[in-house]
């Protein structure tokens, strides 16, 4: 259990450091916006609750797709096609940027030498 909390703390530190990176912030805001728009869309068109809609959006973008929920309306199916094409790329870009934050060493206040 201790290793879980250590890993969680490391993740939160790297996430917080990532918030200083403009590209990371743009990806995070875009991903949150995409999840919110998908949640609102599925909630209103399919009639699902907000939690079910958010769950479907996360399962879809992470490509897990359990299949317990699926779009039934033609408009929802078309929206899902566009949502997956845009969302999976955005989700992968965000996870890649987050992993890069995890790999990069922390700044210790030392200047790095310039290469010429």
PDB file of N, CA and C in Angstrom:
ATOM      1  N   UNK A   1       0.815  -1.190   0.000  1.00  0.00           N
ATOM      2  CA  UNK A   1       0.000   0.000   0.000  1.00  0.00           C
ATOM      3  C   UNK A   1       0.862   1.258   0.000  1.00  0.00           C
ATOM      4  N   UNK A   2       2.007   1.172   0.644  1.00  0.00           N
ATOM      5  CA  UNK A   2       2.904   2.316   0.700  1.00  0.00           C
ATOM      6  C   UNK A   2       3.386   2.692  -0.693  1.00  0.00           C
ATOM      7  N   UNK A   3       3.692   1.682  -1.505  1.00  0.00           N
ATOM      8  CA  UNK A   3       4.177   1.981  -2.854  1.00  0.00           C
ATOM      9  C   UNK A   3       3.113   2.694  -3.688  1.00  0.00           C
ATOM     10  N   UNK A   4       1.840   2.384  -3.435  1.00  0.00           N
ATOM     11  CA  UNK A   4       0.764   3.074  -4.143  1.00  0.00           C
ATOM     12  C   UNK A   4       0.789   4.561  -3.834  1.00  0.00           C
ATOM     13  N   UNK A   5       0.921   4.890  -2.543  1.00  0.00           N
ATOM     14  CA  UNK A   5       0.921   6.303  -2.150  1.00  0.00           C
ATOM     15  C   UNK A   5       2.175   7.020  -2.644  1.00  0.00           C
ATOM     16  N   UNK A   6       3.300   6.338  -2.662  1.00  0.00           N
ATOM     17  CA  UNK A   6       4.529   6.934  -3.193  1.00  0.00           C
ATOM     18  C   UNK A   6       4.364   7.211  -4.679  1.00  0.00           C
ATOM     19  N   UNK A   7       3.814   6.246  -5.401  1.00  0.00           N
ATOM     20  CA  UNK A   7       3.582   6.431  -6.837  1.00  0.00           C
ATOM     21  C   UNK A   7       2.570   7.538  -7.083  1.00  0.00           C
ATOM     22  N   UNK A   8       1.519   7.590  -6.289  1.00  0.00           N
ATOM     23  CA  UNK A   8       0.518   8.645  -6.422  1.00  0.00           C
ATOM     24  C   UNK A   8       1.134  10.018  -6.177  1.00  0.00           C
ATOM     25  N   UNK A   9       1.970  10.137  -5.169  1.00  0.00           N
ATOM     26  CA  UNK A   9       2.620  11.417  -4.877  1.00  0.00           C
ATOM     27  C   UNK A   9       3.554  11.828  -6.017  1.00  0.00           C
ATOM     28  N   UNK A  10       4.298  10.886  -6.556  1.00  0.00           N
ATOM     29  CA  UNK A  10       5.173  11.192  -7.696  1.00  0.00           C
ATOM     30  C   UNK A  10       4.347  11.663  -8.888  1.00  0.00           C
ATOM     31  N   UNK A  11       3.224  10.975  -9.136  1.00  0.00           N
ATOM     32  CA  UNK A  11       2.350  11.360 -10.235  1.00  0.00           C
ATOM     33  C   UNK A  11       1.842  12.785 -10.042  1.00  0.00           C
ATOM     34  N   UNK A  12       1.387  13.104  -8.838  1.00  0.00           N
ATOM     35  CA  UNK A  12       0.854  14.437  -8.576  1.00  0.00           C
ATOM     36  C   UNK A  12       1.923  15.515  -8.717  1.00  0.00           C
ATOM     37  N   UNK A  13       3.150  15.215  -8.293  1.00  0.00           N
ATOM     38  CA  UNK A  13       4.249  16.180  -8.443  1.00  0.00           C
ATOM     39  C   UNK A  13       4.527  16.421  -9.923  1.00  0.00           C
ATOM     40  N   UNK A  14       4.597  15.351 -10.710  1.00  0.00           N
ATOM     41  CA  UNK A  14       4.862  15.504 -12.150  1.00  0.00           C
ATOM     42  C   UNK A  14       3.688  16.194 -12.841  1.00  0.00           C
ATOM     43  N   UNK A  15       2.479  15.880 -12.419  1.00  0.00           N
ATOM     44  CA  UNK A  15       1.305  16.521 -12.999  1.00  0.00           C
ATOM     45  C   UNK A  15       1.336  18.019 -12.716  1.00  0.00           C
ATOM     46  N   UNK A  16       1.661  18.360 -11.475  1.00  0.00           N
ATOM     47  CA  UNK A  16       1.746  19.778 -11.108  1.00  0.00           C
ATOM     48  C   UNK A  16       2.835  20.493 -11.899  1.00  0.00           C
ATOM     49  N   UNK A  17       3.967  19.818 -12.106  1.00  0.00           N
ATOM     50  CA  UNK A  17       5.029  20.411 -12.911  1.00  0.00           C
ATOM     51  C   UNK A  17       4.569  20.563 -14.366  1.00  0.00           C
ATOM     52  N   UNK A  18       3.784  19.596 -14.827  1.00  0.00           N
ATOM     53  CA  UNK A  18       3.263  19.673 -16.182  1.00  0.00           C
ATOM     54  C   UNK A  18       2.361  20.871 -16.401  1.00  0.00           C
ATOM     55  N   UNK A  19       1.688  21.309 -15.358  1.00  0.00           N
ATOM     56  CA  UNK A  19       0.795  22.462 -15.488  1.00  0.00           C
ATOM     57  C   UNK A  19       1.559  23.741 -15.823  1.00  0.00           C
ATOM     58  N   UNK A  20       2.848  23.756 -15.583  1.00  0.00           N
ATOM     59  CA  UNK A  20       3.659  24.924 -15.954  1.00  0.00           C
ATOM     60  C   UNK A  20       3.978  24.947 -17.449  1.00  0.00           C
ATOM     61  N   UNK A  21       3.827  23.810 -18.099  1.00  0.00           N
ATOM     62  CA  UNK A  21       4.117  23.696 -19.533  1.00  0.00           C
ATOM     63  C   UNK A  21       2.879  24.104 -20.331  1.00  0.00           C
ATOM     64  N   UNK A  22       2.988  25.116 -21.195  1.00  0.00           N
ATOM     65  CA  UNK A  22       1.805  25.586 -21.950  1.00  0.00           C
ATOM     66  C   UNK A  22       1.183  24.491 -22.821  1.00  0.00           C
ATOM     67  N   UNK A  23       2.003  23.657 -23.448  1.00  0.00           N
ATOM     68  CA  UNK A  23       1.466  22.591 -24.303  1.00  0.00           C
ATOM     69  C   UNK A  23       0.668  21.581 -23.464  1.00  0.00           C
ATOM     70  N   UNK A  24       1.179  21.250 -22.298  1.00  0.00           N
ATOM     71  CA  UNK A  24       0.486  20.341 -21.388  1.00  0.00           C
ATOM     72  C   UNK A  24      -0.858  20.917 -20.975  1.00  0.00           C
ATOM     73  N   UNK A  25      -0.877  22.205 -20.638  1.00  0.00           N
ATOM     74  CA  UNK A  25      -2.131  22.855 -20.234  1.00  0.00           C
ATOM     75  C   UNK A  25      -3.153  22.851 -21.361  1.00  0.00           C
ATOM     76  N   UNK A  26      -2.703  23.133 -22.577  1.00  0.00           N
ATOM     77  CA  UNK A  26      -3.622  23.143 -23.722  1.00  0.00           C
ATOM     78  C   UNK A  26      -4.208  21.747 -23.939  1.00  0.00           C
ATOM     79  N   UNK A  27      -3.361  20.720 -23.854  1.00  0.00           N
ATOM     80  CA  UNK A  27      -3.856  19.355 -24.018  1.00  0.00           C
ATOM     81  C   UNK A  27      -4.836  18.985 -22.909  1.00  0.00           C
ATOM     82  N   UNK A  28      -4.527  19.361 -21.682  1.00  0.00           N
ATOM     83  CA  UNK A  28      -5.411  19.061 -20.551  1.00  0.00           C
ATOM     84  C   UNK A  28      -6.757  19.762 -20.709  1.00  0.00           C
ATOM     85  N   UNK A  29      -6.733  21.038 -21.033  1.00  0.00           N
ATOM     86  CA  UNK A  29      -7.980  21.799 -21.204  1.00  0.00           C
ATOM     87  C   UNK A  29      -8.785  21.241 -22.373  1.00  0.00           C
ATOM     88  N   UNK A  30      -8.114  20.887 -23.459  1.00  0.00           N
ATOM     89  CA  UNK A  30      -8.807  20.307 -24.620  1.00  0.00           C
ATOM     90  C   UNK A  30      -9.439  18.970 -24.270  1.00  0.00           C
ATOM     91  N   UNK A  31      -8.714  18.148 -23.527  1.00  0.00           N
ATOM     92  CA  UNK A  31      -9.241  16.840 -23.149  1.00  0.00           C
ATOM     93  C   UNK A  31     -10.432  16.983 -22.203  1.00  0.00           C
ATOM     94  N   UNK A  32     -10.332  17.874 -21.231  1.00  0.00           N
ATOM     95  CA  UNK A  32     -11.454  18.105 -20.313  1.00  0.00           C
ATOM     96  C   UNK A  32     -12.655  18.655 -21.083  1.00  0.00           C
ATOM     97  N   UNK A  33     -12.409  19.581 -22.004  1.00  0.00           N
ATOM     98  CA  UNK A  33     -13.493  20.120 -22.830  1.00  0.00           C
ATOM     99  C   UNK A  33     -14.147  19.054 -23.685  1.00  0.00           C
ATOM    100  N   UNK A  34     -13.332  18.171 -24.241  1.00  0.00           N
ATOM    101  CA  UNK A  34     -13.868  17.087 -25.062  1.00  0.00           C
ATOM    102  C   UNK A  34     -14.710  16.129 -24.220  1.00  0.00           C
ATOM    103  N   UNK A  35     -14.221  15.791 -23.031  1.00  0.00           N
ATOM    104  CA  UNK A  35     -14.990  14.916 -22.139  1.00  0.00           C
ATOM    105  C   UNK A  35     -16.307  15.576 -21.711  1.00  0.00           C
ATOM    106  N   UNK A  36     -16.257  16.873 -21.401  1.00  0.00           N
ATOM    107  CA  UNK A  36     -17.479  17.580 -21.015  1.00  0.00           C
ATOM    108  C   UNK A  36     -18.487  17.647 -22.161  1.00  0.00           C
ATOM    109  N   UNK A  37     -17.988  17.965 -23.355  1.00  0.00           N
ATOM    110  CA  UNK A  37     -18.912  18.060 -24.492  1.00  0.00           C
ATOM    111  C   UNK A  37     -19.517  16.699 -24.824  1.00  0.00           C
ATOM    112  N   UNK A  38     -18.719  15.645 -24.763  1.00  0.00           N
ATOM    113  CA  UNK A  38     -19.246  14.301 -24.999  1.00  0.00           C
ATOM    114  C   UNK A  38     -20.251  13.900 -23.937  1.00  0.00           C
ATOM    115  N   UNK A  39     -19.941  14.221 -22.689  1.00  0.00           N
ATOM    116  CA  UNK A  39     -20.839  13.891 -21.584  1.00  0.00           C
ATOM    117  C   UNK A  39     -22.178  14.593 -21.756  1.00  0.00           C
ATOM    118  N   UNK A  40     -22.146  15.870 -22.080  1.00  0.00           N
ATOM    119  CA  UNK A  40     -23.384  16.634 -22.282  1.00  0.00           C
ATOM    120  C   UNK A  40     -24.160  16.106 -23.484  1.00  0.00           C
ATOM    121  N   UNK A  41     -23.440  15.801 -24.569  1.00  0.00           N
ATOM    122  CA  UNK A  41     -24.100  15.299 -25.777  1.00  0.00           C
ATOM    123  C   UNK A  41     -24.824  13.986 -25.497  1.00  0.00           C
ATOM    124  N   UNK A  42     -24.096  13.006 -24.952  1.00  0.00           N
ATOM    125  CA  UNK A  42     -24.715  11.697 -24.723  1.00  0.00           C
ATOM    126  C   UNK A  42     -25.819  11.766 -23.676  1.00  0.00           C
ATOM    127  N   UNK A  43     -25.659  12.632 -22.710  1.00  0.00           N
ATOM    128  CA  UNK A  43     -26.696  12.786 -21.695  1.00  0.00           C
ATOM    129  C   UNK A  43     -27.981  13.337 -22.307  1.00  0.00           C
ATOM    130  N   UNK A  44     -27.842  14.297 -23.207  1.00  0.00           N
ATOM    131  CA  UNK A  44     -29.038  14.910 -23.792  1.00  0.00           C
ATOM    132  C   UNK A  44     -29.626  14.083 -24.935  1.00  0.00           C
ATOM    133  N   UNK A  45     -28.790  13.511 -25.795  1.00  0.00           N
ATOM    134  CA  UNK A  45     -29.307  12.789 -26.962  1.00  0.00           C
ATOM    135  C   UNK A  45     -29.709  11.357 -26.617  1.00  0.00           C
ATOM    136  N   UNK A  46     -28.859  10.652 -25.872  1.00  0.00           N
ATOM    137  CA  UNK A  46     -29.152   9.257 -25.533  1.00  0.00           C
ATOM    138  C   UNK A  46     -29.995   9.124 -24.267  1.00  0.00           C
ATOM    139  N   UNK A  47     -30.060  10.200 -23.477  1.00  0.00           N
ATOM    140  CA  UNK A  47     -30.849  10.150 -22.260  1.00  0.00           C
ATOM    141  C   UNK A  47     -30.144   9.437 -21.109  1.00  0.00           C
ATOM    142  N   UNK A  48     -28.833   9.266 -21.215  1.00  0.00           N
ATOM    143  CA  UNK A  48     -28.070   8.637 -20.134  1.00  0.00           C
ATOM    144  C   UNK A  48     -27.846   9.655 -19.025  1.00  0.00           C
ATOM    145  N   UNK A  49     -27.561   9.174 -17.825  1.00  0.00           N
ATOM    146  CA  UNK A  49     -27.186  10.057 -16.733  1.00  0.00           C
ATOM    147  C   UNK A  49     -25.792  10.628 -16.974  1.00  0.00           C
ATOM    148  N   UNK A  50     -25.433  11.640 -16.216  1.00  0.00           N
ATOM    149  CA  UNK A  50     -24.121  12.275 -16.406  1.00  0.00           C
ATOM    150  C   UNK A  50     -22.974  11.308 -16.135  1.00  0.00           C
ATOM    151  N   UNK A  51     -23.105  10.489 -15.100  1.00  0.00           N
ATOM    152  CA  UNK A  51     -22.037   9.536 -14.782  1.00  0.00           C
ATOM    153  C   UNK A  51     -21.904   8.491 -15.883  1.00  0.00           C
ATOM    154  N   UNK A  52     -23.027   7.963 -16.381  1.00  0.00           N
ATOM    155  CA  UNK A  52     -22.970   6.997 -17.477  1.00  0.00           C
ATOM    156  C   UNK A  52     -22.370   7.617 -18.732  1.00  0.00           C
ATOM    157  N   UNK A  53     -22.737   8.855 -19.005  1.00  0.00           N
ATOM    158  CA  UNK A  53     -22.210   9.535 -20.187  1.00  0.00           C
ATOM    159  C   UNK A  53     -20.702   9.762 -20.075  1.00  0.00           C
ATOM    160  N   UNK A  54     -20.257  10.234 -18.916  1.00  0.00           N
ATOM    161  CA  UNK A  54     -18.820  10.432 -18.695  1.00  0.00           C
ATOM    162  C   UNK A  54     -18.078   9.103 -18.765  1.00  0.00           C
ATOM    163  N   UNK A  55     -18.641   8.080 -18.160  1.00  0.00           N
ATOM    164  CA  UNK A  55     -18.058   6.737 -18.193  1.00  0.00           C
ATOM    165  C   UNK A  55     -17.884   6.273 -19.645  1.00  0.00           C
ATOM    166  N   UNK A  56     -18.927   6.439 -20.461  1.00  0.00           N
ATOM    167  CA  UNK A  56     -18.841   6.039 -21.867  1.00  0.00           C
ATOM    168  C   UNK A  56     -17.747   6.815 -22.588  1.00  0.00           C
ATOM    169  N   UNK A  57     -17.653   8.118 -22.319  1.00  0.00           N
ATOM    170  CA  UNK A  57     -16.645   8.947 -22.976  1.00  0.00           C
ATOM    171  C   UNK A  57     -15.231   8.499 -22.615  1.00  0.00           C
ATOM    172  N   UNK A  58     -14.996   8.238 -21.339  1.00  0.00           N
ATOM    173  CA  UNK A  58     -13.667   7.805 -20.902  1.00  0.00           C
ATOM    174  C   UNK A  58     -13.343   6.429 -21.467  1.00  0.00           C
ATOM    175  N   UNK A  59     -14.277   5.503 -21.426  1.00  0.00           N
ATOM    176  CA  UNK A  59     -14.041   4.159 -21.957  1.00  0.00           C
ATOM    177  C   UNK A  59     -13.796   4.205 -23.472  1.00  0.00           C
ATOM    178  N   UNK A  60     -14.459   5.109 -24.146  1.00  0.00           N
ATOM    179  CA  UNK A  60     -14.284   5.238 -25.587  1.00  0.00           C
ATOM    180  C   UNK A  60     -12.925   5.825 -25.922  1.00  0.00           C
ATOM    181  N   UNK A  61     -12.551   6.927 -25.260  1.00  0.00           N
ATOM    182  CA  UNK A  61     -11.282   7.586 -25.577  1.00  0.00           C
ATOM    183  C   UNK A  61     -10.080   6.759 -25.156  1.00  0.00           C
ATOM    184  N   UNK A  62     -10.230   5.975 -24.109  1.00  0.00           N
ATOM    185  CA  UNK A  62      -9.109   5.136 -23.685  1.00  0.00           C
ATOM    186  C   UNK A  62      -9.070   3.830 -24.471  1.00  0.00           C
ATOM    187  N   UNK A  63      -9.974   3.652 -25.380  1.00  0.00           N
ATOM    188  CA  UNK A  63     -10.118   2.493 -26.267  1.00  0.00           C
ATOM    189  C   UNK A  63     -10.379   1.195 -25.503  1.00  0.00           C
ATOM    190  N   UNK A  64     -10.878   1.294 -24.285  1.00  0.00           N
ATOM    191  CA  UNK A  64     -11.249   0.089 -23.534  1.00  0.00           C
ATOM    192  C   UNK A  64     -12.560  -0.460 -24.088  1.00  0.00           C
ATOM    193  N   UNK A  65     -13.575   0.382 -24.134  1.00  0.00           N
ATOM    194  CA  UNK A  65     -14.850   0.039 -24.761  1.00  0.00           C
ATOM    195  C   UNK A  65     -15.472  -1.261 -24.292  1.00  0.00           C
ATOM    196  N   UNK A  66     -15.967  -1.324 -23.078  1.00  0.00           N
ATOM    197  CA  UNK A  66     -16.577  -2.548 -22.563  1.00  0.00           C
ATOM    198  C   UNK A  66     -17.805  -2.973 -23.355  1.00  0.00           C
ATOM    199  N   UNK A  67     -18.537  -2.040 -23.919  1.00  0.00           N
ATOM    200  CA  UNK A  67     -19.714  -2.377 -24.708  1.00  0.00           C
ATOM    201  C   UNK A  67     -20.991  -2.434 -23.898  1.00  0.00           C
ATOM    202  N   UNK A  68     -20.917  -2.111 -22.605  1.00  0.00           N
ATOM    203  CA  UNK A  68     -22.127  -2.116 -21.799  1.00  0.00           C
ATOM    204  C   UNK A  68     -23.040  -0.956 -22.157  1.00  0.00           C
ATOM    205  N   UNK A  69     -22.466   0.144 -22.629  1.00  0.00           N
ATOM    206  CA  UNK A  69     -23.229   1.270 -23.173  1.00  0.00           C
ATOM    207  C   UNK A  69     -22.804   1.452 -24.625  1.00  0.00           C
ATOM    208  N   UNK A  70     -23.748   1.782 -25.461  1.00  0.00           N
ATOM    209  CA  UNK A  70     -23.420   2.078 -26.860  1.00  0.00           C
ATOM    210  C   UNK A  70     -24.494   3.003 -27.428  1.00  0.00           C
ATOM    211  N   UNK A  71     -24.085   3.829 -28.404  1.00  0.00           N
ATOM    212  CA  UNK A  71     -25.054   4.751 -29.002  1.00  0.00           C
ATOM    213  C   UNK A  71     -26.128   3.988 -29.777  1.00  0.00           C
ATOM    214  N   UNK A  72     -27.351   4.451 -29.662  1.00  0.00           N
ATOM    215  CA  UNK A  72     -28.461   3.808 -30.363  1.00  0.00           C
ATOM    216  C   UNK A  72     -29.093   4.720 -31.419  1.00  0.00           C
ATOM    217  N   UNK A  73     -28.932   6.023 -31.266  1.00  0.00           N
ATOM    218  CA  UNK A  73     -29.528   6.975 -32.201  1.00  0.00           C
ATOM    219  C   UNK A  73     -28.556   7.226 -33.357  1.00  0.00           C
ATOM    220  N   UNK A  74     -29.070   7.431 -34.569  1.00  0.00           N
ATOM    221  CA  UNK A  74     -28.172   7.706 -35.705  1.00  0.00           C
ATOM    222  C   UNK A  74     -27.278   8.932 -35.476  1.00  0.00           C
ATOM    223  N   UNK A  75     -27.825  10.003 -34.894  1.00  0.00           N
ATOM    224  CA  UNK A  75     -27.033  11.196 -34.620  1.00  0.00           C
ATOM    225  C   UNK A  75     -25.894  10.867 -33.646  1.00  0.00           C
ATOM    226  N   UNK A  76     -26.172  10.035 -32.658  1.00  0.00           N
ATOM    227  CA  UNK A  76     -25.151   9.643 -31.689  1.00  0.00           C
ATOM    228  C   UNK A  76     -24.053   8.814 -32.343  1.00  0.00           C
ATOM    229  N   UNK A  77     -24.426   7.985 -33.265  1.00  0.00           N
ATOM    230  CA  UNK A  77     -23.431   7.159 -33.958  1.00  0.00           C
ATOM    231  C   UNK A  77     -22.499   8.027 -34.796  1.00  0.00           C
ATOM    232  N   UNK A  78     -23.053   9.015 -35.477  1.00  0.00           N
ATOM    233  CA  UNK A  78     -22.227   9.934 -36.275  1.00  0.00           C
ATOM    234  C   UNK A  78     -21.326  10.754 -35.359  1.00  0.00           C
ATOM    235  N   UNK A  79     -21.888  11.249 -34.269  1.00  0.00           N
ATOM    236  CA  UNK A  79     -21.094  12.003 -33.302  1.00  0.00           C
ATOM    237  C   UNK A  79     -19.963  11.141 -32.751  1.00  0.00           C
ATOM    238  N   UNK A  80     -20.241   9.886 -32.453  1.00  0.00           N
ATOM    239  CA  UNK A  80     -19.231   8.987 -31.894  1.00  0.00           C
ATOM    240  C   UNK A  80     -18.093   8.755 -32.876  1.00  0.00           C
ATOM    241  N   UNK A  81     -18.388   8.664 -34.142  1.00  0.00           N
ATOM    242  CA  UNK A  81     -17.335   8.490 -35.150  1.00  0.00           C
ATOM    243  C   UNK A  81     -16.368   9.667 -35.103  1.00  0.00           C
ATOM    244  N   UNK A  82     -16.907  10.875 -35.124  1.00  0.00           N
ATOM    245  CA  UNK A  82     -16.063  12.076 -35.077  1.00  0.00           C
ATOM    246  C   UNK A  82     -15.373  12.174 -33.719  1.00  0.00           C
ATOM    247  N   UNK A  83     -16.094  11.870 -32.660  1.00  0.00           N
ATOM    248  CA  UNK A  83     -15.559  11.931 -31.294  1.00  0.00           C
ATOM    249  C   UNK A  83     -14.351  11.012 -31.132  1.00  0.00           C
ATOM    250  N   UNK A  84     -14.436   9.813 -31.670  1.00  0.00           N
ATOM    251  CA  UNK A  84     -13.325   8.860 -31.565  1.00  0.00           C
ATOM    252  C   UNK A  84     -12.127   9.325 -32.379  1.00  0.00           C
ATOM    253  N   UNK A  85     -12.359   9.795 -33.593  1.00  0.00           N
ATOM    254  CA  UNK A  85     -11.251  10.237 -34.447  1.00  0.00           C
ATOM    255  C   UNK A  85     -10.491  11.392 -33.806  1.00  0.00           C
ATOM    256  N   UNK A  86     -11.221  12.357 -33.280  1.00  0.00           N
ATOM    257  CA  UNK A  86     -10.582  13.508 -32.628  1.00  0.00           C
ATOM    258  C   UNK A  86     -10.059  13.127 -31.246  1.00  0.00           C
ATOM    259  N   UNK A  87     -10.868  12.425 -30.483  1.00  0.00           N
ATOM    260  CA  UNK A  87     -10.573  12.172 -29.080  1.00  0.00           C
ATOM    261  C   UNK A  87      -9.429  11.221 -28.820  1.00  0.00           C
ATOM    262  N   UNK A  88      -9.328  10.146 -29.586  1.00  0.00           N
ATOM    263  CA  UNK A  88      -8.254   9.181 -29.335  1.00  0.00           C
ATOM    264  C   UNK A  88      -6.897   9.837 -29.579  1.00  0.00           C
ATOM    265  N   UNK A  89      -6.789  10.614 -30.642  1.00  0.00           N
ATOM    266  CA  UNK A  89      -5.531  11.320 -30.899  1.00  0.00           C
ATOM    267  C   UNK A  89      -5.183  12.295 -29.787  1.00  0.00           C
ATOM    268  N   UNK A  90      -6.171  13.021 -29.305  1.00  0.00           N
ATOM    269  CA  UNK A  90      -5.957  13.973 -28.224  1.00  0.00           C
ATOM    270  C   UNK A  90      -5.589  13.252 -26.928  1.00  0.00           C
ATOM    271  N   UNK A  91      -6.271  12.147 -26.642  1.00  0.00           N
ATOM    272  CA  UNK A  91      -5.999  11.368 -25.440  1.00  0.00           C
ATOM    273  C   UNK A  91      -4.576  10.800 -25.475  1.00  0.00           C
ATOM    274  N   UNK A  92      -4.165  10.274 -26.604  1.00  0.00           N
ATOM    275  CA  UNK A  92      -2.805   9.724 -26.744  1.00  0.00           C
ATOM    276  C   UNK A  92      -1.767  10.830 -26.595  1.00  0.00           C
ATOM    277  N   UNK A  93      -2.025  11.990 -27.190  1.00  0.00           N
ATOM    278  CA  UNK A  93      -1.089  13.116 -27.066  1.00  0.00           C
ATOM    279  C   UNK A  93      -0.949  13.543 -25.608  1.00  0.00           C
ATOM    280  N   UNK A  94      -2.055  13.578 -24.879  1.00  0.00           N
ATOM    281  CA  UNK A  94      -2.010  13.961 -23.470  1.00  0.00           C
ATOM    282  C   UNK A  94      -1.241  12.933 -22.645  1.00  0.00           C
ATOM    283  N   UNK A  95      -1.515  11.662 -22.840  1.00  0.00           N
ATOM    284  CA  UNK A  95      -0.813  10.609 -22.100  1.00  0.00           C
ATOM    285  C   UNK A  95       0.675  10.624 -22.434  1.00  0.00           C
ATOM    286  N   UNK A  96       1.020  10.869 -23.691  1.00  0.00           N
ATOM    287  CA  UNK A  96       2.426  10.955 -24.092  1.00  0.00           C
ATOM    288  C   UNK A  96       3.111  12.125 -23.407  1.00  0.00           C
ATOM    289  N   UNK A  97       2.444  13.259 -23.362  1.00  0.00           N
ATOM    290  CA  UNK A  97       3.013  14.437 -22.697  1.00  0.00           C
ATOM    291  C   UNK A  97       3.154  14.192 -21.199  1.00  0.00           C
ATOM    292  N   UNK A  98       2.180  13.518 -20.605  1.00  0.00           N
ATOM    293  CA  UNK A  98       2.246  13.187 -19.181  1.00  0.00           C
ATOM    294  C   UNK A  98       3.405  12.237 -18.903  1.00  0.00           C
ATOM    295  N   UNK A  99       3.601  11.269 -19.782  1.00  0.00           N
ATOM    296  CA  UNK A  99       4.722  10.334 -19.617  1.00  0.00           C
ATOM    297  C   UNK A  99       6.052  11.061 -19.781  1.00  0.00           C
ATOM    298  N   UNK A 100       6.112  12.030 -20.678  1.00  0.00           N
ATOM    299  CA  UNK A 100       7.338  12.806 -20.860  1.00  0.00           C
ATOM    300  C   UNK A 100       7.642  13.612 -19.603  1.00  0.00           C
ATOM    301  N   UNK A 101       6.610  14.113 -18.927  1.00  0.00           N
ATOM    302  CA  UNK A 101       6.809  14.822 -17.664  1.00  0.00           C
ATOM    303  C   UNK A 101       7.372  13.874 -16.612  1.00  0.00           C
ATOM    304  N   UNK A 102       6.931  12.639 -16.640  1.00  0.00           N
ATOM    305  CA  UNK A 102       7.401  11.656 -15.665  1.00  0.00           C
ATOM    306  C   UNK A 102       8.856  11.297 -15.908  1.00  0.00           C
ATOM    307  N   UNK A 103       9.260  11.241 -17.169  1.00  0.00           N
ATOM    308  CA  UNK A 103      10.637  10.871 -17.509  1.00  0.00           C
ATOM    309  C   UNK A 103      11.617  12.007 -17.320  1.00  0.00           C
ATOM    310  N   UNK A 104      11.154  13.252 -17.468  1.00  0.00           N
ATOM    311  CA  UNK A 104      12.086  14.374 -17.412  1.00  0.00           C
ATOM    312  C   UNK A 104      12.549  14.606 -15.986  1.00  0.00           C
ATOM    313  N   UNK A 105      13.823  14.917 -15.824  1.00  0.00           N
ATOM    314  CA  UNK A 105      14.329  15.146 -14.469  1.00  0.00           C
ATOM    315  C   UNK A 105      13.790  16.454 -13.906  1.00  0.00           C
ATOM    316  N   UNK A 106      13.664  16.515 -12.595  1.00  0.00           N
ATOM    317  CA  UNK A 106      13.183  17.728 -11.940  1.00  0.00           C
ATOM    318  C   UNK A 106      14.243  18.803 -11.970  1.00  0.00           C
ATOM    319  N   UNK A 107      13.821  20.062 -11.939  1.00  0.00           N
ATOM    320  CA  UNK A 107      14.759  21.170 -11.920  1.00  0.00           C
ATOM    321  C   UNK A 107      15.264  21.361 -10.501  1.00  0.00           C
ATOM    322  N   UNK A 108      16.560  21.364 -10.334  1.00  0.00           N
ATOM    323  CA  UNK A 108      17.163  21.500  -9.009  1.00  0.00           C
ATOM    324  C   UNK A 108      17.795  22.871  -8.820  1.00  0.00           C
ATOM    325  N   UNK A 109      17.556  23.798  -9.742  1.00  0.00           N
ATOM    326  CA  UNK A 109      18.111  25.138  -9.611  1.00  0.00           C
ATOM    327  C   UNK A 109      19.480  25.280 -10.248  1.00  0.00           C
ATOM    328  N   UNK A 110      19.975  24.226 -10.868  1.00  0.00           N
ATOM    329  CA  UNK A 110      21.275  24.297 -11.520  1.00  0.00           C
ATOM    330  C   UNK A 110      21.089  24.629 -12.994  1.00  0.00           C
ATOM    331  N   UNK A 111      21.991  25.436 -13.494  1.00  0.00           N
ATOM    332  CA  UNK A 111      21.945  25.772 -14.916  1.00  0.00           C
ATOM    333  C   UNK A 111      22.519  24.619 -15.707  1.00  0.00           C
ATOM    334  N   UNK A 112      21.896  24.313 -16.827  1.00  0.00           N
ATOM    335  CA  UNK A 112      22.432  23.269 -17.694  1.00  0.00           C
ATOM    336  C   UNK A 112      23.363  23.899 -18.716  1.00  0.00           C
ATOM    337  N   UNK A 113      24.475  23.242 -19.008  1.00  0.00           N
ATOM    338  CA  UNK A 113      25.419  23.819 -19.965  1.00  0.00           C
ATOM    339  C   UNK A 113      24.813  23.877 -21.364  1.00  0.00           C
ATOM    340  N   UNK A 114      25.132  24.937 -22.073  1.00  0.00           N
ATOM    341  CA  UNK A 114      24.655  25.133 -23.438  1.00  0.00           C
ATOM    342  C   UNK A 114      25.555  24.399 -24.409  1.00  0.00           C
ATOM    343  N   UNK A 115      24.977  23.706 -25.369  1.00  0.00           N
ATOM    344  CA  UNK A 115      25.750  23.060 -26.432  1.00  0.00           C
ATOM    345  C   UNK A 115      25.868  24.015 -27.597  1.00  0.00           C
ATOM    346  N   UNK A 116      27.033  24.032 -28.193  1.00  0.00           N
ATOM    347  CA  UNK A 116      27.239  24.927 -29.338  1.00  0.00           C
ATOM    348  C   UNK A 116      27.273  24.170 -30.621  1.00  0.00           C
TER     349      UNK A 116
END
